[in-house]
Amino acid sequence: MRNEHFEEDELMVIALFQEKTRQETIDLLKQTLEVLEETTEEASEDEMIMVLTSAIEKLQQIEDKYYYSLDLHTYLNDLEEEADEH
């Protein structure tokens, strides 16, 4: 594993992303667990796979929603401008 060195601003972007996705991820996992607990023993493997596949897709949607809501374009442009000034 290589060491990554992050600037303070980069850490802030990561923290914002984690903060925004954290609660929705926890809520989705709780809902999925409830569905799995309510599932009867008669549920087929295909039904169980569908529940888990759905949860995975929703987790990806949460990640995408907040990733694209971050203003990375402005952030990256600011980094370029700072580099040009030095």
PDB file of N, CA and C in Angstrom:
ATOM      1  N   MET A   1       0.846  -1.169   0.000  1.00  0.00           N
ATOM      2  CA  MET A   1       0.000   0.000   0.000  1.00  0.00           C
ATOM      3  C   MET A   1       0.896   1.238   0.000  1.00  0.00           C
ATOM      4  N   ARG A   2       0.595   2.168  -0.899  1.00  0.00           N
ATOM      5  CA  ARG A   2       1.432   3.353  -0.970  1.00  0.00           C
ATOM      6  C   ARG A   2       0.870   4.465  -0.095  1.00  0.00           C
ATOM      7  N   ASN A   3       1.741   5.291   0.384  1.00  0.00           N
ATOM      8  CA  ASN A   3       1.317   6.426   1.194  1.00  0.00           C
ATOM      9  C   ASN A   3       0.813   7.536   0.293  1.00  0.00           C
ATOM     10  N   GLU A   4      -0.310   8.087   0.645  1.00  0.00           N
ATOM     11  CA  GLU A   4      -0.860   9.227  -0.078  1.00  0.00           C
ATOM     12  C   GLU A   4      -0.705  10.454   0.798  1.00  0.00           C
ATOM     13  N   HIS A   5      -0.322  11.532   0.213  1.00  0.00           N
ATOM     14  CA  HIS A   5      -0.197  12.793   0.933  1.00  0.00           C
ATOM     15  C   HIS A   5      -1.273  13.728   0.410  1.00  0.00           C
ATOM     16  N   PHE A   6      -2.196  14.074   1.266  1.00  0.00           N
ATOM     17  CA  PHE A   6      -3.295  14.925   0.873  1.00  0.00           C
ATOM     18  C   PHE A   6      -3.110  16.328   1.438  1.00  0.00           C
ATOM     19  N   GLU A   7      -3.479  17.275   0.636  1.00  0.00           N
ATOM     20  CA  GLU A   7      -3.505  18.653   1.091  1.00  0.00           C
ATOM     21  C   GLU A   7      -4.738  18.853   1.968  1.00  0.00           C
ATOM     22  N   GLU A   8      -4.734  19.913   2.730  1.00  0.00           N
ATOM     23  CA  GLU A   8      -5.849  20.194   3.634  1.00  0.00           C
ATOM     24  C   GLU A   8      -7.175  20.285   2.869  1.00  0.00           C
ATOM     25  N   ASP A   9      -7.168  20.942   1.708  1.00  0.00           N
ATOM     26  CA  ASP A   9      -8.396  21.085   0.918  1.00  0.00           C
ATOM     27  C   ASP A   9      -8.900  19.740   0.413  1.00  0.00           C
ATOM     28  N   GLU A  10      -7.979  18.876   0.025  1.00  0.00           N
ATOM     29  CA  GLU A  10      -8.371  17.551  -0.442  1.00  0.00           C
ATOM     30  C   GLU A  10      -9.019  16.756   0.683  1.00  0.00           C
ATOM     31  N   LEU A  11      -8.458  16.877   1.881  1.00  0.00           N
ATOM     32  CA  LEU A  11      -9.037  16.192   3.040  1.00  0.00           C
ATOM     33  C   LEU A  11     -10.436  16.719   3.338  1.00  0.00           C
ATOM     34  N   MET A  12     -10.632  18.022   3.140  1.00  0.00           N
ATOM     35  CA  MET A  12     -11.946  18.608   3.364  1.00  0.00           C
ATOM     36  C   MET A  12     -12.966  18.040   2.374  1.00  0.00           C
ATOM     37  N   VAL A  13     -12.581  17.893   1.109  1.00  0.00           N
ATOM     38  CA  VAL A  13     -13.477  17.329   0.101  1.00  0.00           C
ATOM     39  C   VAL A  13     -13.839  15.888   0.478  1.00  0.00           C
ATOM     40  N   ILE A  14     -12.860  15.120   0.899  1.00  0.00           N
ATOM     41  CA  ILE A  14     -13.104  13.737   1.305  1.00  0.00           C
ATOM     42  C   ILE A  14     -14.035  13.692   2.513  1.00  0.00           C
ATOM     43  N   ALA A  15     -13.806  14.555   3.478  1.00  0.00           N
ATOM     44  CA  ALA A  15     -14.639  14.588   4.684  1.00  0.00           C
ATOM     45  C   ALA A  15     -16.083  14.967   4.348  1.00  0.00           C
ATOM     46  N   LEU A  16     -16.272  15.932   3.461  1.00  0.00           N
ATOM     47  CA  LEU A  16     -17.624  16.322   3.053  1.00  0.00           C
ATOM     48  C   LEU A  16     -18.337  15.157   2.385  1.00  0.00           C
ATOM     49  N   PHE A  17     -17.638  14.459   1.511  1.00  0.00           N
ATOM     50  CA  PHE A  17     -18.222  13.307   0.819  1.00  0.00           C
ATOM     51  C   PHE A  17     -18.613  12.230   1.828  1.00  0.00           C
ATOM     52  N   GLN A  18     -17.721  11.926   2.749  1.00  0.00           N
ATOM     53  CA  GLN A  18     -18.007  10.893   3.745  1.00  0.00           C
ATOM     54  C   GLN A  18     -19.171  11.290   4.643  1.00  0.00           C
ATOM     55  N   GLU A  19     -19.211  12.550   5.038  1.00  0.00           N
ATOM     56  CA  GLU A  19     -20.287  13.020   5.908  1.00  0.00           C
ATOM     57  C   GLU A  19     -21.640  12.892   5.220  1.00  0.00           C
ATOM     58  N   LYS A  20     -21.701  13.256   3.956  1.00  0.00           N
ATOM     59  CA  LYS A  20     -22.965  13.228   3.230  1.00  0.00           C
ATOM     60  C   LYS A  20     -23.431  11.812   2.936  1.00  0.00           C
ATOM     61  N   THR A  21     -22.515  10.914   2.665  1.00  0.00           N
ATOM     62  CA  THR A  21     -22.909   9.552   2.309  1.00  0.00           C
ATOM     63  C   THR A  21     -23.138   8.661   3.528  1.00  0.00           C
ATOM     64  N   ARG A  22     -22.535   8.987   4.629  1.00  0.00           N
ATOM     65  CA  ARG A  22     -22.557   8.121   5.815  1.00  0.00           C
ATOM     66  C   ARG A  22     -23.964   7.770   6.291  1.00  0.00           C
ATOM     67  N   GLN A  23     -24.787   8.775   6.572  1.00  0.00           N
ATOM     68  CA  GLN A  23     -26.105   8.512   7.150  1.00  0.00           C
ATOM     69  C   GLN A  23     -27.009   7.771   6.167  1.00  0.00           C
ATOM     70  N   GLU A  24     -26.971   8.155   4.896  1.00  0.00           N
ATOM     71  CA  GLU A  24     -27.805   7.455   3.918  1.00  0.00           C
ATOM     72  C   GLU A  24     -27.364   6.001   3.778  1.00  0.00           C
ATOM     73  N   THR A  25     -26.076   5.759   3.835  1.00  0.00           N
ATOM     74  CA  THR A  25     -25.565   4.390   3.746  1.00  0.00           C
ATOM     75  C   THR A  25     -26.027   3.570   4.946  1.00  0.00           C
ATOM     76  N   ILE A  26     -25.934   4.138   6.135  1.00  0.00           N
ATOM     77  CA  ILE A  26     -26.377   3.451   7.352  1.00  0.00           C
ATOM     78  C   ILE A  26     -27.869   3.140   7.271  1.00  0.00           C
ATOM     79  N   ASP A  27     -28.666   4.118   6.849  1.00  0.00           N
ATOM     80  CA  ASP A  27     -30.115   3.916   6.743  1.00  0.00           C
ATOM     81  C   ASP A  27     -30.449   2.812   5.741  1.00  0.00           C
ATOM     82  N   LEU A  28     -29.771   2.821   4.599  1.00  0.00           N
ATOM     83  CA  LEU A  28     -30.025   1.797   3.585  1.00  0.00           C
ATOM     84  C   LEU A  28     -29.656   0.411   4.104  1.00  0.00           C
ATOM     85  N   LEU A  29     -28.533   0.311   4.795  1.00  0.00           N
ATOM     86  CA  LEU A  29     -28.123  -0.990   5.329  1.00  0.00           C
ATOM     87  C   LEU A  29     -29.099  -1.488   6.397  1.00  0.00           C
ATOM     88  N   LYS A  30     -29.623  -0.575   7.216  1.00  0.00           N
ATOM     89  CA  LYS A  30     -30.628  -0.955   8.217  1.00  0.00           C
ATOM     90  C   LYS A  30     -31.899  -1.467   7.532  1.00  0.00           C
ATOM     91  N   GLN A  31     -32.339  -0.762   6.491  1.00  0.00           N
ATOM     92  CA  GLN A  31     -33.536  -1.183   5.760  1.00  0.00           C
ATOM     93  C   GLN A  31     -33.331  -2.547   5.116  1.00  0.00           C
ATOM     94  N   THR A  32     -32.161  -2.751   4.538  1.00  0.00           N
ATOM     95  CA  THR A  32     -31.858  -4.035   3.904  1.00  0.00           C
ATOM     96  C   THR A  32     -31.858  -5.149   4.934  1.00  0.00           C
ATOM     97  N   LEU A  33     -31.282  -4.902   6.091  1.00  0.00           N
ATOM     98  CA  LEU A  33     -31.261  -5.896   7.156  1.00  0.00           C
ATOM     99  C   LEU A  33     -32.680  -6.236   7.611  1.00  0.00           C
ATOM    100  N   GLU A  34     -33.526  -5.218   7.743  1.00  0.00           N
ATOM    101  CA  GLU A  34     -34.925  -5.461   8.122  1.00  0.00           C
ATOM    102  C   GLU A  34     -35.629  -6.339   7.099  1.00  0.00           C
ATOM    103  N   VAL A  35     -35.409  -6.057   5.824  1.00  0.00           N
ATOM    104  CA  VAL A  35     -36.023  -6.869   4.761  1.00  0.00           C
ATOM    105  C   VAL A  35     -35.526  -8.304   4.861  1.00  0.00           C
ATOM    106  N   LEU A  36     -34.237  -8.462   5.066  1.00  0.00           N
ATOM    107  CA  LEU A  36     -33.677  -9.816   5.169  1.00  0.00           C
ATOM    108  C   LEU A  36     -34.203 -10.551   6.397  1.00  0.00           C
ATOM    109  N   GLU A  37     -34.379  -9.831   7.518  1.00  0.00           N
ATOM    110  CA  GLU A  37     -34.902 -10.457   8.729  1.00  0.00           C
ATOM    111  C   GLU A  37     -36.366 -10.859   8.558  1.00  0.00           C
ATOM    112  N   GLU A  38     -37.124 -10.086   7.779  1.00  0.00           N
ATOM    113  CA  GLU A  38     -38.538 -10.384   7.556  1.00  0.00           C
ATOM    114  C   GLU A  38     -38.751 -11.475   6.511  1.00  0.00           C
ATOM    115  N   THR A  39     -37.704 -11.752   5.755  1.00  0.00           N
ATOM    116  CA  THR A  39     -37.807 -12.755   4.703  1.00  0.00           C
ATOM    117  C   THR A  39     -37.978 -14.128   5.332  1.00  0.00           C
ATOM    118  N   THR A  40     -38.953 -14.841   4.832  1.00  0.00           N
ATOM    119  CA  THR A  40     -39.213 -16.176   5.374  1.00  0.00           C
ATOM    120  C   THR A  40     -38.178 -17.163   4.859  1.00  0.00           C
ATOM    121  N   GLU A  41     -38.130 -18.284   5.515  1.00  0.00           N
ATOM    122  CA  GLU A  41     -37.203 -19.333   5.104  1.00  0.00           C
ATOM    123  C   GLU A  41     -37.569 -19.885   3.732  1.00  0.00           C
ATOM    124  N   GLU A  42     -38.790 -19.611   3.308  1.00  0.00           N
ATOM    125  CA  GLU A  42     -39.246 -20.118   2.019  1.00  0.00           C
ATOM    126  C   GLU A  42     -38.785 -19.266   0.850  1.00  0.00           C
ATOM    127  N   ALA A  43     -38.125 -18.164   1.132  1.00  0.00           N
ATOM    128  CA  ALA A  43     -37.645 -17.291   0.059  1.00  0.00           C
ATOM    129  C   ALA A  43     -36.575 -18.019  -0.747  1.00  0.00           C
ATOM    130  N   SER A  44     -36.662 -17.848  -2.036  1.00  0.00           N
ATOM    131  CA  SER A  44     -35.697 -18.523  -2.911  1.00  0.00           C
ATOM    132  C   SER A  44     -34.360 -17.773  -2.899  1.00  0.00           C
ATOM    133  N   GLU A  45     -33.352 -18.464  -3.368  1.00  0.00           N
ATOM    134  CA  GLU A  45     -32.036 -17.842  -3.468  1.00  0.00           C
ATOM    135  C   GLU A  45     -32.096 -16.649  -4.409  1.00  0.00           C
ATOM    136  N   ASP A  46     -32.880 -16.756  -5.456  1.00  0.00           N
ATOM    137  CA  ASP A  46     -33.006 -15.656  -6.413  1.00  0.00           C
ATOM    138  C   ASP A  46     -33.608 -14.416  -5.755  1.00  0.00           C
ATOM    139  N   GLU A  47     -34.582 -14.602  -4.873  1.00  0.00           N
ATOM    140  CA  GLU A  47     -35.178 -13.470  -4.170  1.00  0.00           C
ATOM    141  C   GLU A  47     -34.156 -12.809  -3.250  1.00  0.00           C
ATOM    142  N   MET A  48     -33.370 -13.607  -2.572  1.00  0.00           N
ATOM    143  CA  MET A  48     -32.345 -13.077  -1.681  1.00  0.00           C
ATOM    144  C   MET A  48     -31.282 -12.314  -2.484  1.00  0.00           C
ATOM    145  N   ILE A  49     -30.903 -12.863  -3.622  1.00  0.00           N
ATOM    146  CA  ILE A  49     -29.921 -12.207  -4.480  1.00  0.00           C
ATOM    147  C   ILE A  49     -30.471 -10.876  -4.981  1.00  0.00           C
ATOM    148  N   MET A  50     -31.762 -10.845  -5.300  1.00  0.00           N
ATOM    149  CA  MET A  50     -32.387  -9.603  -5.758  1.00  0.00           C
ATOM    150  C   MET A  50     -32.351  -8.532  -4.673  1.00  0.00           C
ATOM    151  N   VAL A  51     -32.607  -8.918  -3.433  1.00  0.00           N
ATOM    152  CA  VAL A  51     -32.568  -7.958  -2.321  1.00  0.00           C
ATOM    153  C   VAL A  51     -31.160  -7.380  -2.177  1.00  0.00           C
ATOM    154  N   LEU A  52     -30.168  -8.245  -2.205  1.00  0.00           N
ATOM    155  CA  LEU A  52     -28.781  -7.789  -2.048  1.00  0.00           C
ATOM    156  C   LEU A  52     -28.305  -6.976  -3.251  1.00  0.00           C
ATOM    157  N   THR A  53     -28.693  -7.393  -4.446  1.00  0.00           N
ATOM    158  CA  THR A  53     -28.329  -6.650  -5.646  1.00  0.00           C
ATOM    159  C   THR A  53     -28.936  -5.257  -5.617  1.00  0.00           C
ATOM    160  N   SER A  54     -30.178  -5.181  -5.192  1.00  0.00           N
ATOM    161  CA  SER A  54     -30.856  -3.895  -5.083  1.00  0.00           C
ATOM    162  C   SER A  54     -30.128  -2.980  -4.088  1.00  0.00           C
ATOM    163  N   ALA A  55     -29.722  -3.546  -2.962  1.00  0.00           N
ATOM    164  CA  ALA A  55     -29.008  -2.762  -1.946  1.00  0.00           C
ATOM    165  C   ALA A  55     -27.684  -2.239  -2.502  1.00  0.00           C
ATOM    166  N   ILE A  56     -26.971  -3.069  -3.222  1.00  0.00           N
ATOM    167  CA  ILE A  56     -25.692  -2.662  -3.804  1.00  0.00           C
ATOM    168  C   ILE A  56     -25.902  -1.538  -4.815  1.00  0.00           C
ATOM    169  N   GLU A  57     -26.931  -1.666  -5.647  1.00  0.00           N
ATOM    170  CA  GLU A  57     -27.227  -0.618  -6.628  1.00  0.00           C
ATOM    171  C   GLU A  57     -27.576   0.698  -5.933  1.00  0.00           C
ATOM    172  N   LYS A  58     -28.345   0.620  -4.851  1.00  0.00           N
ATOM    173  CA  LYS A  58     -28.715   1.831  -4.120  1.00  0.00           C
ATOM    174  C   LYS A  58     -27.496   2.460  -3.447  1.00  0.00           C
ATOM    175  N   LEU A  59     -26.579   1.637  -2.952  1.00  0.00           N
ATOM    176  CA  LEU A  59     -25.345   2.176  -2.363  1.00  0.00           C
ATOM    177  C   LEU A  59     -24.542   2.936  -3.414  1.00  0.00           C
ATOM    178  N   GLN A  60     -24.487   2.389  -4.619  1.00  0.00           N
ATOM    179  CA  GLN A  60     -23.765   3.061  -5.702  1.00  0.00           C
ATOM    180  C   GLN A  60     -24.447   4.380  -6.059  1.00  0.00           C
ATOM    181  N   GLN A  61     -25.773   4.398  -6.038  1.00  0.00           N
ATOM    182  CA  GLN A  61     -26.510   5.627  -6.348  1.00  0.00           C
ATOM    183  C   GLN A  61     -26.236   6.704  -5.288  1.00  0.00           C
ATOM    184  N   ILE A  62     -26.158   6.294  -4.030  1.00  0.00           N
ATOM    185  CA  ILE A  62     -25.840   7.251  -2.962  1.00  0.00           C
ATOM    186  C   ILE A  62     -24.460   7.853  -3.220  1.00  0.00           C
ATOM    187  N   GLU A  63     -23.507   6.996  -3.506  1.00  0.00           N
ATOM    188  CA  GLU A  63     -22.145   7.451  -3.761  1.00  0.00           C
ATOM    189  C   GLU A  63     -22.114   8.404  -4.951  1.00  0.00           C
ATOM    190  N   ASP A  64     -22.770   8.016  -6.040  1.00  0.00           N
ATOM    191  CA  ASP A  64     -22.788   8.849  -7.244  1.00  0.00           C
ATOM    192  C   ASP A  64     -23.458  10.193  -6.980  1.00  0.00           C
ATOM    193  N   LYS A  65     -24.585  10.167  -6.287  1.00  0.00           N
ATOM    194  CA  LYS A  65     -25.329  11.398  -6.029  1.00  0.00           C
ATOM    195  C   LYS A  65     -24.445  12.423  -5.308  1.00  0.00           C
ATOM    196  N   TYR A  66     -23.752  11.990  -4.285  1.00  0.00           N
ATOM    197  CA  TYR A  66     -22.949  12.930  -3.525  1.00  0.00           C
ATOM    198  C   TYR A  66     -21.619  13.246  -4.194  1.00  0.00           C
ATOM    199  N   TYR A  67     -21.078  12.302  -4.927  1.00  0.00           N
ATOM    200  CA  TYR A  67     -19.841  12.579  -5.651  1.00  0.00           C
ATOM    201  C   TYR A  67     -20.081  13.686  -6.677  1.00  0.00           C
ATOM    202  N   TYR A  68     -21.173  13.559  -7.428  1.00  0.00           N
ATOM    203  CA  TYR A  68     -21.447  14.555  -8.464  1.00  0.00           C
ATOM    204  C   TYR A  68     -21.963  15.864  -7.892  1.00  0.00           C
ATOM    205  N   SER A  69     -22.383  15.866  -6.638  1.00  0.00           N
ATOM    206  CA  SER A  69     -22.822  17.118  -6.027  1.00  0.00           C
ATOM    207  C   SER A  69     -21.633  17.940  -5.510  1.00  0.00           C
ATOM    208  N   LEU A  70     -20.489  17.289  -5.335  1.00  0.00           N
ATOM    209  CA  LEU A  70     -19.302  18.026  -4.912  1.00  0.00           C
ATOM    210  C   LEU A  70     -18.846  18.925  -6.056  1.00  0.00           C
ATOM    211  N   ASP A  71     -18.423  20.087  -5.747  1.00  0.00           N
ATOM    212  CA  ASP A  71     -17.994  21.028  -6.776  1.00  0.00           C
ATOM    213  C   ASP A  71     -16.510  20.812  -7.064  1.00  0.00           C
ATOM    214  N   LEU A  72     -16.195  19.647  -7.621  1.00  0.00           N
ATOM    215  CA  LEU A  72     -14.800  19.310  -7.871  1.00  0.00           C
ATOM    216  C   LEU A  72     -14.217  20.139  -9.005  1.00  0.00           C
ATOM    217  N   HIS A  73     -15.039  20.517  -9.955  1.00  0.00           N
ATOM    218  CA  HIS A  73     -14.547  21.322 -11.072  1.00  0.00           C
ATOM    219  C   HIS A  73     -13.933  22.626 -10.556  1.00  0.00           C
ATOM    220  N   THR A  74     -14.661  23.319  -9.707  1.00  0.00           N
ATOM    221  CA  THR A  74     -14.153  24.562  -9.131  1.00  0.00           C
ATOM    222  C   THR A  74     -12.914  24.281  -8.284  1.00  0.00           C
ATOM    223  N   TYR A  75     -12.975  23.224  -7.508  1.00  0.00           N
ATOM    224  CA  TYR A  75     -11.841  22.870  -6.649  1.00  0.00           C
ATOM    225  C   TYR A  75     -10.584  22.600  -7.484  1.00  0.00           C
ATOM    226  N   LEU A  76     -10.717  21.827  -8.558  1.00  0.00           N
ATOM    227  CA  LEU A  76      -9.570  21.500  -9.400  1.00  0.00           C
ATOM    228  C   LEU A  76      -9.050  22.737 -10.124  1.00  0.00           C
ATOM    229  N   ASN A  77      -9.949  23.610 -10.562  1.00  0.00           N
ATOM    230  CA  ASN A  77      -9.513  24.848 -11.203  1.00  0.00           C
ATOM    231  C   ASN A  77      -8.730  25.720 -10.229  1.00  0.00           C
ATOM    232  N   ASP A  78      -9.182  25.780  -8.980  1.00  0.00           N
ATOM    233  CA  ASP A  78      -8.467  26.553  -7.966  1.00  0.00           C
ATOM    234  C   ASP A  78      -7.063  26.002  -7.752  1.00  0.00           C
ATOM    235  N   LEU A  79      -6.925  24.669  -7.769  1.00  0.00           N
ATOM    236  CA  LEU A  79      -5.605  24.066  -7.608  1.00  0.00           C
ATOM    237  C   LEU A  79      -4.693  24.450  -8.770  1.00  0.00           C
ATOM    238  N   GLU A  80      -5.231  24.428  -9.997  1.00  0.00           N
ATOM    239  CA  GLU A  80      -4.430  24.799 -11.170  1.00  0.00           C
ATOM    240  C   GLU A  80      -3.987  26.254 -11.078  1.00  0.00           C
ATOM    241  N   GLU A  81      -4.892  27.129 -10.676  1.00  0.00           N
ATOM    242  CA  GLU A  81      -4.554  28.550 -10.551  1.00  0.00           C
ATOM    243  C   GLU A  81      -3.473  28.753  -9.494  1.00  0.00           C
ATOM    244  N   GLU A  82      -3.567  28.048  -8.378  1.00  0.00           N
ATOM    245  CA  GLU A  82      -2.550  28.163  -7.335  1.00  0.00           C
ATOM    246  C   GLU A  82      -1.194  27.672  -7.833  1.00  0.00           C
ATOM    247  N   ALA A  83      -1.198  26.592  -8.600  1.00  0.00           N
ATOM    248  CA  ALA A  83       0.050  26.040  -9.139  1.00  0.00           C
ATOM    249  C   ALA A  83       0.672  27.009 -10.142  1.00  0.00           C
ATOM    250  N   ASP A  84      -0.169  27.666 -10.951  1.00  0.00           N
ATOM    251  CA  ASP A  84       0.326  28.624 -11.923  1.00  0.00           C
ATOM    252  C   ASP A  84       0.933  29.848 -11.261  1.00  0.00           C
ATOM    253  N   GLU A  85       0.402  30.233 -10.102  1.00  0.00           N
ATOM    254  CA  GLU A  85       0.899  31.399  -9.381  1.00  0.00           C
ATOM    255  C   GLU A  85       2.276  31.159  -8.776  1.00  0.00           C
ATOM    256  N   HIS A  86       2.609  29.889  -8.505  1.00  0.00           N
ATOM    257  CA  HIS A  86       3.898  29.585  -7.840  1.00  0.00           C
ATOM    258  C   HIS A  86       4.964  29.398  -8.834  1.00  0.00           C
TER     259      HIS A  86
END
